[in-house]
Amino acid sequence: MNVHLIRAADFSAHTFQAVFQIVSSFPGPVTYVPSETEVEINQAIEKEITSREAFELGLKPPPLSSIKMDHSLEHRSYSHRPPVEFPVKVQLATWDSLFDVCKSYRSVKKLPKEDLILLLTDTANEANWFVGMDQTMTHAFIHTADWHHYFEGLNERFPIAYEIAATVLRLSSLGSNATIQRLYHTEPRGCISDLCLHKKQIVLKMRTADICTDCMNFIATQDVDMRLVTQVVETFEGIRKHFLATERTNFLKQPSRLLVKGYTHQIIFQDYGNLPLQLNPKQRAIYCFFLNHPEGVRLVDLVDHRQEIGELYHRFSNQSTLDRIEESLDLLLDPLESNLNETLSRIKRIVEKTVGKRIAPVYQITGNRGEPYRIPLESNFIVFETEIHN
């Protein structure tokens, strides 16, 4: 399969070559073909964006062209690109005009209809997405600007290369935009199918560079060349290793700050696009208890902390009567019941589903039998908006 990479005149030739070298370094059935000449984006208009919020928000795509990847932009201070200061003026093009560039290139070069064409351009698009694909599933654009707004100290060639590989997988294996949309995760998992309508959520996807089990299982049911899937997965893993090899390795390795917010202690991964940890009241009470005890507590000793756990549970619970809350608490702390272990297992799965397997262990409640259980996250990464104790 040939994938033609077209460089728009507004996209750095040096970065284009670096991106091409990355995606071409992983062998497989996909052959990347760089354009010999640059193309112009002639139909772009200038638009002023007045706020960070508008800059980071993805919109619904045009009705006839809806496929999406992720988004970008947050701490702009790497490479040759200056930080974003608001208001900011950007060049904006319609999806159709970007696809027209791809179609024109195909026509001029007399390319076979099965070849894929990807346009790489700094020009923004009307839906403020990083990737858009047309209905033929043979043309796509990738927005190459503004990655430094999200990834301080990271060279933009790596996330752009990731987007190329991910787009190739979608175009070649999923058949239609409708199929791709059915796979979208509205709650980010660190998966290729995360919708990321709030662009800051791209941070989690790029740090995990993963495909979740649900999406892998779906792809396995399709008529897909598994050599292509292997090539894309190896590209993802290689790009992730490149992340860790940059001079900002420590930044990329460090976990997100965990914000415990407000009276009801909503738990938020601050540096993963304010990603919430969705726990029910009982799970949140146990999780917040362990956040409040970094030294760790043995499970058999939790009954000695019934008052503290109970206060948290009462605060978070929406059960109608105190008696029902107390009954639930009795069941949770009864050493002869399995409720506590089941609760801990569910918390572990929810954390893993939220931030991915690679990142999850530092946020999970862990311990060995008979020894203290604790959350390994260092205390300087935990931010309490209010104290857990009254």
Protein backbone atom coordinates (compact mmCIF):
# COMPACT_ATOMS: atom_id res chain seq x y z
CA MET A 1 0.00 0.00 0.00
CA ASN A 2 1.32 3.43 -0.96
CA VAL A 3 0.67 6.41 1.32
CA HIS A 4 1.57 9.73 -0.27
CA LEU A 5 2.60 12.47 2.15
CA ILE A 6 2.02 15.94 0.71
CA ARG A 7 3.81 18.90 2.26
CA ALA A 8 1.96 22.21 2.22
CA ALA A 9 4.16 25.27 1.70
CA ASP A 10 3.40 26.45 5.24
CA PHE A 11 4.86 23.27 6.81
CA SER A 12 8.61 23.17 7.47
CA ALA A 13 10.54 21.11 4.90
CA HIS A 14 13.00 20.09 7.60
CA THR A 15 10.26 18.81 9.92
CA PHE A 16 8.53 17.10 6.99
CA GLN A 17 11.70 15.17 6.21
CA ALA A 18 12.15 14.23 9.87
CA VAL A 19 8.56 12.98 10.08
CA PHE A 20 9.00 10.96 6.89
CA GLN A 21 12.13 9.32 8.29
CA ILE A 22 10.29 8.30 11.45
CA VAL A 23 7.29 6.64 9.77
CA SER A 24 9.50 5.03 7.10
CA SER A 25 11.76 3.39 9.66
CA PHE A 26 9.17 0.74 10.58
CA PRO A 27 8.91 -1.97 7.87
CA GLY A 28 5.65 -3.45 6.68
CA PRO A 29 3.14 -3.38 3.83
CA VAL A 30 2.75 0.42 4.02
CA THR A 31 5.17 2.39 1.86
CA TYR A 32 5.33 6.14 2.53
CA VAL A 33 5.99 8.30 -0.51
CA PRO A 34 7.00 11.95 0.12
CA SER A 35 5.87 14.66 -2.27
CA GLU A 36 8.61 16.07 -4.46
CA THR A 37 7.11 19.57 -4.43
CA GLU A 38 5.14 21.63 -1.94
CA VAL A 39 1.51 22.60 -2.42
CA GLU A 40 -0.27 25.84 -1.64
CA ILE A 41 -3.38 26.23 0.53
CA ASN A 42 -5.06 29.00 -1.44
CA GLN A 43 -8.52 29.16 0.11
CA ALA A 44 -7.60 29.84 3.73
CA ILE A 45 -8.96 32.89 5.51
CA GLU A 46 -7.60 34.70 8.55
CA LYS A 47 -9.50 34.32 11.80
CA GLU A 48 -8.84 35.79 15.24
CA ILE A 49 -9.15 33.47 18.24
CA THR A 50 -9.60 35.49 21.39
CA SER A 51 -9.19 32.93 24.18
CA ARG A 52 -7.30 29.81 25.18
CA GLU A 53 -10.63 28.00 25.68
CA ALA A 54 -11.69 28.57 22.06
CA PHE A 55 -8.22 27.63 20.84
CA GLU A 56 -8.33 24.26 22.63
CA LEU A 57 -11.91 23.24 21.80
CA GLY A 58 -12.65 20.83 18.96
CA LEU A 59 -15.96 21.35 17.17
CA LYS A 60 -18.26 19.07 15.24
CA PRO A 61 -16.81 18.35 11.80
CA PRO A 62 -18.55 19.23 8.52
CA PRO A 63 -21.48 16.86 7.94
CA LEU A 64 -19.97 15.23 4.86
CA SER A 65 -16.51 14.75 6.27
CA SER A 66 -16.38 13.46 9.80
CA ILE A 67 -13.45 11.53 11.02
CA LYS A 68 -11.28 12.66 13.74
CA MET A 69 -8.20 12.06 15.61
CA ASP A 70 -7.00 14.15 18.42
CA HIS A 71 -6.06 17.63 19.19
CA SER A 72 -3.16 19.63 20.47
CA LEU A 73 -1.90 22.78 22.07
CA GLU A 74 -0.89 23.81 25.51
CA HIS A 75 2.59 24.82 26.60
CA ARG A 76 4.26 26.30 23.56
CA SER A 77 7.96 26.50 24.16
CA TYR A 78 9.92 24.15 22.00
CA SER A 79 11.30 24.00 18.52
CA HIS A 80 11.21 27.18 16.49
CA ARG A 81 7.62 28.06 17.31
CA PRO A 82 6.83 30.87 19.76
CA PRO A 83 4.30 30.56 22.62
CA VAL A 84 0.67 31.26 21.78
CA GLU A 85 -0.52 34.60 23.06
CA PHE A 86 -4.17 35.59 22.88
CA PRO A 87 -5.81 36.94 20.89
CA VAL A 88 -4.08 35.04 18.10
CA LYS A 89 -4.73 35.13 14.35
CA VAL A 90 -4.72 31.85 12.44
CA GLN A 91 -5.16 30.79 8.82
CA LEU A 92 -8.33 28.72 8.53
CA ALA A 93 -9.49 26.48 5.66
CA THR A 94 -12.60 24.37 5.07
CA TRP A 95 -12.31 20.61 5.10
CA ASP A 96 -13.46 20.43 1.49
CA SER A 97 -10.74 22.82 0.33
CA LEU A 98 -8.10 20.68 2.05
CA PHE A 99 -9.49 17.52 0.47
CA ASP A 100 -9.51 19.29 -2.91
CA VAL A 101 -5.73 19.70 -2.58
CA CYS A 102 -5.43 15.93 -2.13
CA LYS A 103 -7.71 15.22 -5.09
CA SER A 104 -5.81 17.63 -7.32
CA TYR A 105 -2.53 15.99 -6.37
CA ARG A 106 -3.96 12.57 -7.21
CA SER A 107 -5.14 13.82 -10.58
CA VAL A 108 -1.88 15.54 -11.52
CA LYS A 109 0.24 12.57 -10.45
CA LYS A 110 -2.22 10.05 -11.96
CA LEU A 111 -2.18 8.00 -8.78
CA PRO A 112 -4.20 4.77 -8.44
CA LYS A 113 -7.52 5.13 -6.64
CA GLU A 114 -6.43 2.76 -3.87
CA ASP A 115 -3.42 4.90 -2.88
CA LEU A 116 -3.88 7.04 0.24
CA ILE A 117 -3.04 10.75 0.22
CA LEU A 118 -2.30 12.68 3.43
CA LEU A 119 -1.88 16.45 3.38
CA LEU A 120 0.39 17.89 6.10
CA THR A 121 -0.31 21.57 6.71
CA ASP A 122 0.06 24.26 9.36
CA THR A 123 -3.23 25.77 8.16
CA ALA A 124 -5.99 25.25 10.71
CA ASN A 125 -9.40 23.87 9.77
CA GLU A 126 -12.99 24.87 10.39
CA ALA A 127 -13.65 22.20 13.02
CA ASN A 128 -10.35 22.78 14.84
CA TRP A 129 -9.34 19.13 14.56
CA PHE A 130 -5.91 17.70 14.03
CA VAL A 131 -7.04 15.11 11.50
CA GLY A 132 -9.90 14.98 9.03
CA MET A 133 -10.76 12.27 6.49
CA ASP A 134 -13.13 12.40 3.55
CA GLN A 135 -15.95 10.02 2.70
CA THR A 136 -13.86 8.06 0.19
CA MET A 137 -11.47 7.08 2.98
CA THR A 138 -8.54 7.81 0.66
CA HIS A 139 -7.83 11.48 1.47
CA ALA A 140 -6.96 13.10 4.80
CA PHE A 141 -5.32 16.18 6.24
CA ILE A 142 -3.18 16.46 9.36
CA HIS A 143 -2.82 19.78 11.15
CA THR A 144 0.90 20.12 11.86
CA ALA A 145 0.95 23.33 13.90
CA ASP A 146 0.53 24.00 17.63
CA TRP A 147 1.75 20.72 19.12
CA HIS A 148 4.15 22.69 21.29
CA HIS A 149 1.15 24.30 22.98
CA TYR A 150 0.51 20.93 24.64
CA PHE A 151 3.93 19.30 24.83
CA GLU A 152 6.57 21.55 26.32
CA GLY A 153 10.03 20.47 25.22
CA LEU A 154 8.83 17.83 22.76
CA ASN A 155 9.75 17.98 19.08
CA GLU A 156 6.59 18.18 16.99
CA ARG A 157 7.74 15.53 14.52
CA PHE A 158 6.79 12.75 16.97
CA PRO A 159 3.08 13.56 17.46
CA ILE A 160 2.76 14.31 13.73
CA ALA A 161 4.26 10.90 12.91
CA TYR A 162 1.84 9.32 15.38
CA GLU A 163 -1.10 10.99 13.64
CA ILE A 164 0.09 9.72 10.26
CA ALA A 165 0.30 6.11 11.45
CA ALA A 166 -3.06 6.32 13.23
CA THR A 167 -4.73 7.82 10.17
CA VAL A 168 -3.35 5.09 7.91
CA LEU A 169 -4.76 2.44 10.26
CA ARG A 170 -8.20 4.04 10.22
CA LEU A 171 -8.32 4.60 6.47
CA SER A 172 -7.11 1.11 5.61
CA SER A 173 -8.93 -1.02 8.16
CA LEU A 174 -12.17 0.56 9.33
CA GLY A 175 -14.01 1.06 6.05
CA SER A 176 -16.03 4.19 6.72
CA ASN A 177 -16.33 7.28 8.86
CA ALA A 178 -19.46 5.81 10.44
CA THR A 179 -17.50 2.78 11.63
CA ILE A 180 -14.78 4.97 13.09
CA GLN A 181 -17.31 7.13 14.88
CA ARG A 182 -18.85 4.05 16.51
CA LEU A 183 -15.46 3.30 18.05
CA TYR A 184 -14.95 6.76 19.55
CA HIS A 185 -14.38 6.91 23.32
CA THR A 186 -16.00 10.01 24.77
CA GLU A 187 -14.21 9.26 28.03
CA PRO A 188 -10.47 9.15 27.21
CA ARG A 189 -8.66 5.84 27.71
CA GLY A 190 -5.30 6.70 26.21
CA CYS A 191 -6.44 4.90 23.04
CA ILE A 192 -6.27 5.75 19.35
CA SER A 193 -10.09 6.08 19.39
CA ASP A 194 -10.29 8.69 22.16
CA LEU A 195 -12.47 11.49 20.82
CA CYS A 196 -10.59 14.27 22.63
CA LEU A 197 -13.10 17.02 21.92
CA HIS A 198 -11.26 19.00 24.54
CA LYS A 199 -7.87 19.22 22.93
CA LYS A 200 -5.86 19.03 26.15
CA GLN A 201 -6.89 15.38 26.41
CA ILE A 202 -4.43 14.60 23.62
CA VAL A 203 -1.72 14.55 26.29
CA LEU A 204 -2.96 11.21 27.63
CA LYS A 205 -3.23 9.65 24.17
CA MET A 206 0.28 10.63 23.21
CA ARG A 207 1.78 9.42 26.48
CA THR A 208 0.21 5.98 26.15
CA ALA A 209 0.40 5.65 22.31
CA ASP A 210 -1.88 2.63 22.60
CA ILE A 211 -4.87 0.80 21.13
CA CYS A 212 -7.32 -0.43 23.76
CA THR A 213 -8.54 -4.02 23.91
CA ASP A 214 -12.03 -3.12 22.64
CA CYS A 215 -10.62 -1.46 19.53
CA MET A 216 -8.10 -4.26 18.96
CA ASN A 217 -10.90 -6.82 19.17
CA PHE A 218 -12.97 -4.86 16.68
CA ILE A 219 -10.08 -4.50 14.23
CA ALA A 220 -9.53 -8.26 14.47
CA THR A 221 -13.06 -8.82 13.14
CA GLN A 222 -12.38 -6.75 10.02
CA ASP A 223 -10.79 -7.82 6.75
CA VAL A 224 -7.47 -6.25 7.66
CA ASP A 225 -3.90 -7.12 6.76
CA MET A 226 -2.53 -7.84 10.22
CA ARG A 227 0.95 -6.99 8.95
CA LEU A 228 -0.31 -3.42 8.56
CA VAL A 229 -1.70 -3.40 12.10
CA THR A 230 1.64 -4.71 13.37
CA GLN A 231 3.50 -2.00 11.46
CA VAL A 232 1.30 0.72 12.96
CA VAL A 233 1.58 -0.67 16.50
CA GLU A 234 5.36 -0.87 16.17
CA THR A 235 5.35 2.71 14.90
CA PHE A 236 3.38 3.79 17.97
CA GLU A 237 5.77 2.03 20.30
CA GLY A 238 8.80 3.43 18.51
CA ILE A 239 7.41 6.96 18.71
CA ARG A 240 6.72 6.51 22.41
CA LYS A 241 10.33 5.45 22.94
CA HIS A 242 11.42 8.57 21.08
CA PHE A 243 9.38 10.60 23.57
CA LEU A 244 11.39 9.11 26.40
CA ALA A 245 14.67 9.76 24.59
CA THR A 246 14.24 13.52 24.38
CA GLU A 247 16.04 15.93 26.67
CA ARG A 248 12.74 16.44 28.48
CA THR A 249 12.50 12.78 29.47
CA ASN A 250 11.82 13.58 33.10
CA PHE A 251 8.87 15.75 32.13
CA LEU A 252 7.33 13.00 30.03
CA LYS A 253 7.93 10.28 32.62
CA GLN A 254 6.46 12.11 35.54
CA PRO A 255 2.83 11.37 36.37
CA SER A 256 0.02 13.86 36.25
CA ARG A 257 -0.86 15.86 39.32
CA LEU A 258 -3.97 14.47 41.00
CA LEU A 259 -6.45 17.17 42.01
CA VAL A 260 -8.92 16.38 44.80
CA LYS A 261 -11.50 19.05 44.19
CA GLY A 262 -14.25 20.52 46.31
CA TYR A 263 -16.41 19.23 49.13
CA THR A 264 -17.29 16.02 47.28
CA HIS A 265 -13.63 15.38 46.38
CA GLN A 266 -13.92 14.97 42.64
CA ILE A 267 -10.66 13.37 41.50
CA ILE A 268 -9.06 14.89 38.41
CA PHE A 269 -5.84 14.17 36.49
CA GLN A 270 -4.75 17.78 36.02
CA ASP A 271 -2.01 17.21 33.46
CA TYR A 272 -4.03 14.79 31.35
CA GLY A 273 -6.49 17.41 30.16
CA ASN A 274 -8.36 17.60 33.51
CA LEU A 275 -9.42 13.99 33.00
CA PRO A 276 -11.85 12.88 35.77
CA LEU A 277 -11.56 9.59 37.66
CA GLN A 278 -15.14 8.34 37.70
CA LEU A 279 -15.64 6.50 41.00
CA ASN A 280 -18.90 5.80 42.78
CA PRO A 281 -19.29 7.13 46.36
CA LYS A 282 -18.00 3.99 48.07
CA GLN A 283 -15.01 3.70 45.74
CA ARG A 284 -14.22 7.39 46.11
CA ALA A 285 -14.37 7.15 49.92
CA ILE A 286 -11.83 4.31 49.93
CA TYR A 287 -9.62 6.04 47.35
CA CYS A 288 -9.61 9.35 49.22
CA PHE A 289 -8.90 7.55 52.48
CA PHE A 290 -5.72 6.07 51.01
CA LEU A 291 -4.77 9.42 49.49
CA ASN A 292 -4.95 10.77 53.02
CA HIS A 293 -2.70 7.97 54.32
CA PRO A 294 0.46 7.91 52.18
CA GLU A 295 2.15 5.76 54.82
CA GLY A 296 -0.26 2.95 53.95
CA VAL A 297 -2.79 0.96 55.97
CA ARG A 298 -3.25 -2.80 56.21
CA LEU A 299 -6.65 -3.95 54.96
CA VAL A 300 -7.36 -5.74 58.24
CA ASP A 301 -6.84 -2.43 60.04
CA LEU A 302 -9.37 -0.47 57.99
CA VAL A 303 -12.07 -1.25 60.53
CA ASP A 304 -10.07 0.87 63.00
CA HIS A 305 -10.53 3.80 60.61
CA ARG A 306 -14.28 3.33 60.26
CA GLN A 307 -15.07 6.86 61.45
CA GLU A 308 -12.86 8.53 58.83
CA ILE A 309 -14.05 6.27 56.01
CA GLY A 310 -17.63 6.71 57.20
CA GLU A 311 -17.37 10.50 57.12
CA LEU A 312 -16.15 10.37 53.54
CA TYR A 313 -18.80 7.85 52.52
CA HIS A 314 -21.57 9.92 54.12
CA ARG A 315 -20.32 13.00 52.31
CA PHE A 316 -20.23 11.35 48.89
CA SER A 317 -23.22 9.01 49.11
CA ASN A 318 -26.57 9.73 47.52
CA GLN A 319 -28.33 6.97 49.44
CA SER A 320 -31.54 8.19 51.00
CA THR A 321 -31.10 7.05 54.61
CA LEU A 322 -28.26 6.90 57.09
CA ASP A 323 -29.19 3.31 57.90
CA ARG A 324 -28.56 2.22 54.33
CA ILE A 325 -25.19 3.97 54.31
CA GLU A 326 -24.21 2.28 57.58
CA GLU A 327 -25.29 -1.12 56.24
CA SER A 328 -23.17 -0.59 53.16
CA LEU A 329 -20.24 0.48 55.33
CA ASP A 330 -20.65 -2.59 57.56
CA LEU A 331 -20.48 -4.82 54.50
CA LEU A 332 -17.43 -2.99 53.15
CA LEU A 333 -15.40 -3.35 56.37
CA ASP A 334 -16.51 -6.86 57.37
CA PRO A 335 -13.36 -9.05 57.13
CA LEU A 336 -15.54 -12.11 56.49
CA GLU A 337 -17.02 -10.55 53.36
CA SER A 338 -15.38 -9.99 49.96
CA ASN A 339 -16.85 -6.53 49.44
CA LEU A 340 -13.63 -4.65 50.19
CA ASN A 341 -11.50 -6.71 47.80
CA GLU A 342 -14.14 -6.38 45.11
CA THR A 343 -14.19 -2.61 45.62
CA LEU A 344 -10.39 -2.38 45.38
CA SER A 345 -10.40 -4.50 42.21
CA ARG A 346 -13.02 -2.26 40.61
CA ILE A 347 -11.04 0.85 41.52
CA LYS A 348 -7.95 -0.70 39.97
CA ARG A 349 -9.80 -1.45 36.72
CA ILE A 350 -11.33 2.03 36.56
CA VAL A 351 -7.93 3.69 37.03
CA GLU A 352 -6.41 1.51 34.30
CA LYS A 353 -9.31 2.21 31.94
CA THR A 354 -8.97 5.94 32.61
CA VAL A 355 -5.22 6.47 32.14
CA GLY A 356 -4.03 3.25 30.47
CA LYS A 357 -1.95 0.28 31.62
CA ARG A 358 1.43 1.99 31.46
CA ILE A 359 0.49 4.89 33.71
CA ALA A 360 -2.09 3.25 36.00
CA PRO A 361 0.13 1.52 38.64
CA VAL A 362 1.26 4.77 40.27
CA TYR A 363 -2.40 5.72 40.88
CA GLN A 364 -3.71 2.34 42.03
CA ILE A 365 -4.18 1.13 45.60
CA THR A 366 -1.61 -1.64 45.90
CA GLY A 367 -0.01 -3.82 48.55
CA ASN A 368 0.92 -7.35 49.52
CA ARG A 369 -1.14 -9.61 51.73
CA GLY A 370 -0.66 -8.72 55.39
CA GLU A 371 1.26 -5.53 54.55
CA PRO A 372 0.11 -1.91 54.28
CA TYR A 373 -1.76 -0.92 51.14
CA ARG A 374 -1.10 2.50 49.67
CA ILE A 375 -1.23 4.65 46.53
CA PRO A 376 2.39 4.97 45.26
CA LEU A 377 1.92 8.49 43.86
CA GLU A 378 4.32 10.88 45.58
CA SER A 379 2.63 13.44 47.81
CA ASN A 380 3.92 16.41 45.80
CA PHE A 381 1.76 15.22 42.89
CA ILE A 382 -1.42 15.30 45.00
CA VAL A 383 -3.23 18.64 45.17
CA PHE A 384 -6.05 19.06 47.68
CA GLU A 385 -8.41 21.90 46.91
CA THR A 386 -9.95 21.19 50.30
CA GLU A 387 -8.66 19.01 53.11
CA ILE A 388 -9.98 15.48 53.31
CA HIS A 389 -10.49 15.80 57.05
CA ASN A 390 -13.16 18.20 58.23
